[in-house]
N, C-alpha and C. Protein backbone atom coordinates (compact mmCIF):
# COMPACT_ATOMS: atom_id res chain seq x y z
N MET A 1 15.76 -9.81 -3.14
CA MET A 1 14.40 -9.39 -3.47
C MET A 1 14.22 -7.94 -3.01
N THR A 2 13.59 -7.14 -3.84
CA THR A 2 13.35 -5.75 -3.49
C THR A 2 12.29 -5.65 -2.39
N VAL A 3 12.26 -4.52 -1.73
CA VAL A 3 11.24 -4.29 -0.70
C VAL A 3 9.86 -4.33 -1.34
N GLN A 4 9.72 -3.74 -2.50
CA GLN A 4 8.43 -3.75 -3.20
C GLN A 4 7.98 -5.18 -3.48
N ALA A 5 8.88 -6.03 -3.94
CA ALA A 5 8.54 -7.43 -4.22
C ALA A 5 8.16 -8.17 -2.94
N GLN A 6 8.83 -7.88 -1.84
CA GLN A 6 8.49 -8.50 -0.55
C GLN A 6 7.07 -8.11 -0.13
N ILE A 7 6.75 -6.83 -0.28
CA ILE A 7 5.41 -6.35 0.07
C ILE A 7 4.36 -7.05 -0.80
N GLU A 8 4.60 -7.09 -2.10
CA GLU A 8 3.65 -7.74 -3.02
C GLU A 8 3.46 -9.20 -2.65
N GLN A 9 4.55 -9.89 -2.37
CA GLN A 9 4.47 -11.31 -2.04
C GLN A 9 3.66 -11.54 -0.77
N LYS A 10 3.90 -10.75 0.26
CA LYS A 10 3.20 -10.93 1.53
C LYS A 10 1.71 -10.60 1.41
N LEU A 11 1.38 -9.60 0.60
CA LEU A 11 -0.02 -9.21 0.48
C LEU A 11 -0.85 -10.19 -0.34
N THR A 12 -0.22 -11.07 -1.08
CA THR A 12 -0.99 -12.09 -1.80
C THR A 12 -1.71 -13.03 -0.83
N ALA A 13 -1.31 -13.03 0.44
CA ALA A 13 -1.99 -13.85 1.46
C ALA A 13 -3.45 -13.44 1.61
N LEU A 14 -3.79 -12.22 1.20
CA LEU A 14 -5.18 -11.74 1.31
C LEU A 14 -5.99 -12.08 0.07
N THR A 15 -5.45 -12.88 -0.81
CA THR A 15 -6.08 -13.27 -2.08
C THR A 15 -6.78 -12.08 -2.75
N PRO A 16 -6.00 -11.08 -3.12
CA PRO A 16 -6.60 -9.86 -3.68
C PRO A 16 -7.14 -10.06 -5.10
N ASP A 17 -8.22 -9.34 -5.39
CA ASP A 17 -8.72 -9.23 -6.75
C ASP A 17 -7.86 -8.22 -7.51
N VAL A 18 -7.42 -7.20 -6.80
CA VAL A 18 -6.55 -6.15 -7.35
C VAL A 18 -5.45 -5.90 -6.33
N LEU A 19 -4.22 -5.83 -6.80
CA LEU A 19 -3.09 -5.48 -5.94
C LEU A 19 -2.11 -4.64 -6.74
N HIS A 20 -1.93 -3.40 -6.28
CA HIS A 20 -0.94 -2.49 -6.87
C HIS A 20 -0.08 -1.99 -5.73
N VAL A 21 1.21 -2.22 -5.84
CA VAL A 21 2.17 -1.68 -4.87
C VAL A 21 3.06 -0.74 -5.67
N GLU A 22 3.02 0.53 -5.29
CA GLU A 22 3.78 1.55 -6.02
C GLU A 22 4.85 2.14 -5.12
N ASN A 23 6.07 2.15 -5.59
CA ASN A 23 7.16 2.80 -4.88
C ASN A 23 7.10 4.29 -5.19
N GLU A 24 6.75 5.08 -4.20
CA GLU A 24 6.64 6.53 -4.37
C GLU A 24 7.81 7.27 -3.74
N SER A 25 8.88 6.56 -3.48
CA SER A 25 10.04 7.17 -2.84
C SER A 25 10.61 8.32 -3.67
N HIS A 26 10.53 8.20 -5.00
CA HIS A 26 11.06 9.25 -5.88
C HIS A 26 10.36 10.59 -5.68
N MET A 27 9.18 10.58 -5.06
CA MET A 27 8.42 11.80 -4.80
C MET A 27 8.84 12.48 -3.51
N HIS A 28 9.83 11.94 -2.85
CA HIS A 28 10.25 12.43 -1.54
C HIS A 28 11.74 12.75 -1.55
N ASN A 29 12.17 13.44 -0.54
CA ASN A 29 13.56 13.87 -0.46
C ASN A 29 14.39 12.74 0.15
N VAL A 30 14.64 11.71 -0.65
CA VAL A 30 15.42 10.54 -0.24
C VAL A 30 16.43 10.24 -1.34
N PRO A 31 17.46 9.45 -1.03
CA PRO A 31 18.44 9.11 -2.08
C PRO A 31 17.79 8.38 -3.26
N ALA A 32 18.42 8.49 -4.40
CA ALA A 32 17.93 7.81 -5.60
C ALA A 32 17.83 6.31 -5.34
N ASN A 33 16.84 5.68 -5.96
CA ASN A 33 16.60 4.23 -5.86
C ASN A 33 16.19 3.76 -4.47
N SER A 34 15.69 4.67 -3.65
CA SER A 34 15.22 4.30 -2.31
C SER A 34 13.94 3.49 -2.40
N GLU A 35 13.70 2.71 -1.37
CA GLU A 35 12.44 1.96 -1.24
C GLU A 35 11.92 2.22 0.17
N THR A 36 11.42 3.43 0.37
CA THR A 36 10.99 3.86 1.71
C THR A 36 9.54 4.30 1.77
N HIS A 37 8.97 4.71 0.66
CA HIS A 37 7.61 5.24 0.61
C HIS A 37 6.80 4.45 -0.42
N PHE A 38 5.70 3.85 0.04
CA PHE A 38 4.90 3.02 -0.85
C PHE A 38 3.42 3.36 -0.75
N LYS A 39 2.74 3.11 -1.87
CA LYS A 39 1.28 3.20 -1.89
C LYS A 39 0.76 1.82 -2.28
N VAL A 40 -0.20 1.32 -1.49
CA VAL A 40 -0.80 0.02 -1.74
C VAL A 40 -2.29 0.22 -2.04
N THR A 41 -2.71 -0.32 -3.16
CA THR A 41 -4.13 -0.42 -3.48
C THR A 41 -4.45 -1.90 -3.50
N LEU A 42 -5.37 -2.31 -2.64
CA LEU A 42 -5.69 -3.73 -2.52
C LEU A 42 -7.20 -3.90 -2.42
N VAL A 43 -7.73 -4.77 -3.25
CA VAL A 43 -9.16 -5.09 -3.27
C VAL A 43 -9.29 -6.56 -2.91
N SER A 44 -10.08 -6.83 -1.85
CA SER A 44 -10.21 -8.21 -1.40
C SER A 44 -11.55 -8.42 -0.70
N ASP A 45 -12.11 -9.62 -0.91
CA ASP A 45 -13.31 -10.01 -0.16
C ASP A 45 -13.01 -10.10 1.33
N GLY A 46 -11.74 -10.26 1.69
CA GLY A 46 -11.35 -10.36 3.09
C GLY A 46 -11.61 -9.09 3.89
N PHE A 47 -11.90 -7.98 3.21
CA PHE A 47 -12.20 -6.72 3.89
C PHE A 47 -13.69 -6.55 4.14
N ASP A 48 -14.50 -7.45 3.62
CA ASP A 48 -15.95 -7.34 3.77
C ASP A 48 -16.33 -7.33 5.25
N GLY A 49 -17.08 -6.33 5.66
CA GLY A 49 -17.54 -6.22 7.04
C GLY A 49 -16.53 -5.62 8.00
N LEU A 50 -15.34 -5.26 7.50
CA LEU A 50 -14.32 -4.68 8.38
C LEU A 50 -14.28 -3.16 8.22
N MET A 51 -14.18 -2.48 9.36
CA MET A 51 -13.99 -1.04 9.34
C MET A 51 -12.57 -0.74 8.86
N PRO A 52 -12.31 0.47 8.37
CA PRO A 52 -10.98 0.80 7.84
C PRO A 52 -9.83 0.49 8.80
N VAL A 53 -9.99 0.76 10.07
CA VAL A 53 -8.88 0.52 11.00
C VAL A 53 -8.53 -0.97 11.07
N LYS A 54 -9.52 -1.83 11.00
CA LYS A 54 -9.27 -3.28 11.03
C LYS A 54 -8.59 -3.74 9.74
N ARG A 55 -8.94 -3.12 8.63
CA ARG A 55 -8.29 -3.43 7.36
C ARG A 55 -6.81 -3.06 7.44
N HIS A 56 -6.55 -1.87 7.96
CA HIS A 56 -5.17 -1.41 8.10
C HIS A 56 -4.38 -2.33 9.03
N GLN A 57 -5.00 -2.75 10.10
CA GLN A 57 -4.31 -3.64 11.04
C GLN A 57 -3.91 -4.96 10.38
N LYS A 58 -4.74 -5.46 9.48
CA LYS A 58 -4.38 -6.68 8.73
C LYS A 58 -3.10 -6.46 7.92
N ILE A 59 -3.04 -5.32 7.26
CA ILE A 59 -1.86 -5.01 6.45
C ILE A 59 -0.63 -4.83 7.34
N TYR A 60 -0.79 -4.08 8.43
CA TYR A 60 0.34 -3.85 9.34
C TYR A 60 0.88 -5.16 9.89
N ALA A 61 0.02 -6.10 10.18
CA ALA A 61 0.46 -7.39 10.71
C ALA A 61 1.28 -8.15 9.66
N LEU A 62 0.81 -8.13 8.42
CA LEU A 62 1.53 -8.82 7.35
C LEU A 62 2.88 -8.18 7.03
N LEU A 63 2.96 -6.86 7.18
CA LEU A 63 4.16 -6.13 6.78
C LEU A 63 4.96 -5.62 7.99
N ALA A 64 4.84 -6.29 9.12
CA ALA A 64 5.52 -5.84 10.34
C ALA A 64 7.02 -5.68 10.15
N ASP A 65 7.66 -6.62 9.47
CA ASP A 65 9.11 -6.53 9.27
C ASP A 65 9.49 -5.33 8.43
N GLU A 66 8.77 -5.10 7.37
CA GLU A 66 9.06 -3.97 6.49
C GLU A 66 8.82 -2.63 7.20
N LEU A 67 7.74 -2.57 7.98
CA LEU A 67 7.42 -1.33 8.68
C LEU A 67 8.37 -1.04 9.83
N SER A 68 9.01 -2.06 10.36
CA SER A 68 9.98 -1.83 11.43
C SER A 68 11.38 -1.62 10.86
N GLY A 69 11.50 -1.68 9.55
CA GLY A 69 12.80 -1.52 8.92
C GLY A 69 12.80 -0.47 7.84
N PRO A 70 12.84 -0.91 6.58
CA PRO A 70 13.09 0.04 5.49
C PRO A 70 11.91 0.95 5.12
N VAL A 71 10.68 0.56 5.42
CA VAL A 71 9.53 1.35 4.98
C VAL A 71 9.23 2.47 5.98
N HIS A 72 9.29 3.68 5.47
CA HIS A 72 9.05 4.87 6.28
C HIS A 72 7.58 5.31 6.20
N ALA A 73 6.97 5.13 5.03
CA ALA A 73 5.60 5.58 4.83
C ALA A 73 4.85 4.58 3.95
N LEU A 74 3.59 4.35 4.33
CA LEU A 74 2.76 3.38 3.61
C LEU A 74 1.35 3.94 3.50
N ALA A 75 0.98 4.33 2.28
CA ALA A 75 -0.37 4.81 2.02
C ALA A 75 -1.22 3.60 1.63
N LEU A 76 -2.34 3.42 2.31
CA LEU A 76 -3.18 2.25 2.08
C LEU A 76 -4.54 2.66 1.52
N HIS A 77 -4.91 2.03 0.43
CA HIS A 77 -6.22 2.20 -0.19
C HIS A 77 -6.80 0.80 -0.30
N LEU A 78 -7.69 0.48 0.65
CA LEU A 78 -8.16 -0.90 0.83
C LEU A 78 -9.67 -0.97 0.62
N TYR A 79 -10.09 -1.82 -0.30
CA TYR A 79 -11.50 -1.87 -0.68
C TYR A 79 -12.00 -3.31 -0.80
N THR A 80 -13.31 -3.46 -0.62
CA THR A 80 -13.97 -4.70 -1.01
C THR A 80 -14.23 -4.60 -2.52
N PRO A 81 -14.51 -5.70 -3.18
CA PRO A 81 -14.81 -5.62 -4.62
C PRO A 81 -16.00 -4.69 -4.92
N LYS A 82 -17.00 -4.71 -4.07
CA LYS A 82 -18.17 -3.84 -4.28
C LYS A 82 -17.78 -2.37 -4.15
N GLU A 83 -16.96 -2.03 -3.16
CA GLU A 83 -16.50 -0.65 -2.98
C GLU A 83 -15.65 -0.21 -4.17
N TRP A 84 -14.79 -1.12 -4.61
CA TRP A 84 -13.91 -0.82 -5.74
C TRP A 84 -14.73 -0.55 -7.01
N GLN A 85 -15.74 -1.36 -7.21
CA GLN A 85 -16.61 -1.18 -8.38
C GLN A 85 -17.34 0.17 -8.28
N ALA A 86 -17.82 0.51 -7.08
CA ALA A 86 -18.53 1.78 -6.88
C ALA A 86 -17.62 2.97 -7.15
N ARG A 87 -16.32 2.80 -6.94
CA ARG A 87 -15.34 3.86 -7.21
C ARG A 87 -14.92 3.90 -8.67
N GLY A 88 -15.43 2.96 -9.45
CA GLY A 88 -15.04 2.90 -10.85
C GLY A 88 -13.61 2.42 -11.05
N GLY A 89 -13.10 1.67 -10.07
CA GLY A 89 -11.74 1.17 -10.17
C GLY A 89 -10.67 2.23 -10.03
N GLU A 90 -11.01 3.31 -9.35
CA GLU A 90 -10.08 4.43 -9.18
C GLU A 90 -9.69 4.57 -7.71
N ARG A 91 -8.42 4.86 -7.48
CA ARG A 91 -7.95 5.16 -6.14
C ARG A 91 -7.40 6.59 -6.14
N PRO A 92 -7.36 7.24 -4.98
CA PRO A 92 -6.89 8.62 -4.95
C PRO A 92 -5.42 8.75 -5.32
N ASP A 93 -5.06 9.87 -5.91
CA ASP A 93 -3.66 10.17 -6.16
C ASP A 93 -3.00 10.58 -4.85
N SER A 94 -1.73 10.35 -4.77
CA SER A 94 -0.98 10.75 -3.59
C SER A 94 -0.69 12.25 -3.66
N PRO A 95 -0.72 12.92 -2.51
CA PRO A 95 -0.38 14.34 -2.50
C PRO A 95 1.12 14.52 -2.71
N ASN A 96 1.48 15.70 -3.17
CA ASN A 96 2.90 16.01 -3.31
C ASN A 96 3.54 16.13 -1.94
N CYS A 97 4.74 15.62 -1.82
CA CYS A 97 5.50 15.72 -0.59
C CYS A 97 5.99 17.16 -0.45
N ARG A 98 5.91 17.70 0.76
CA ARG A 98 6.34 19.08 0.98
C ARG A 98 7.83 19.29 0.79
N GLY A 99 8.61 18.23 0.99
CA GLY A 99 10.05 18.40 0.86
C GLY A 99 10.67 17.52 -0.19
N GLY A 100 9.84 16.84 -0.96
CA GLY A 100 10.40 15.79 -1.80
C GLY A 100 10.48 16.08 -3.26
N GLY A 101 10.86 15.04 -3.94
CA GLY A 101 10.96 15.09 -5.39
C GLY A 101 12.18 15.80 -5.89
N GLN A 102 13.16 16.04 -5.02
CA GLN A 102 14.34 16.81 -5.43
C GLN A 102 15.52 15.92 -5.66
């Protein structure tokens, strides 16, 4: 199973309305086909009433194995359904890596 698939599988525990896991390793200075840099967009009622740091802690707990191993960077965009709707279903683009994409 790929690292991306492992992340997706573990995050389903939060019963997301929206779940996008994107491998952004190609945007960084890493070997081809790497799975080291990911962006997660997750919308869940489970985030209702939680400050951003508590939302992040939930994700870190679920992905502890990946974060202690192959995953070097994890961009998190975590919303309640109401927040997601207010954003028009849009999440921010990732910035360009200063040394990557080569």
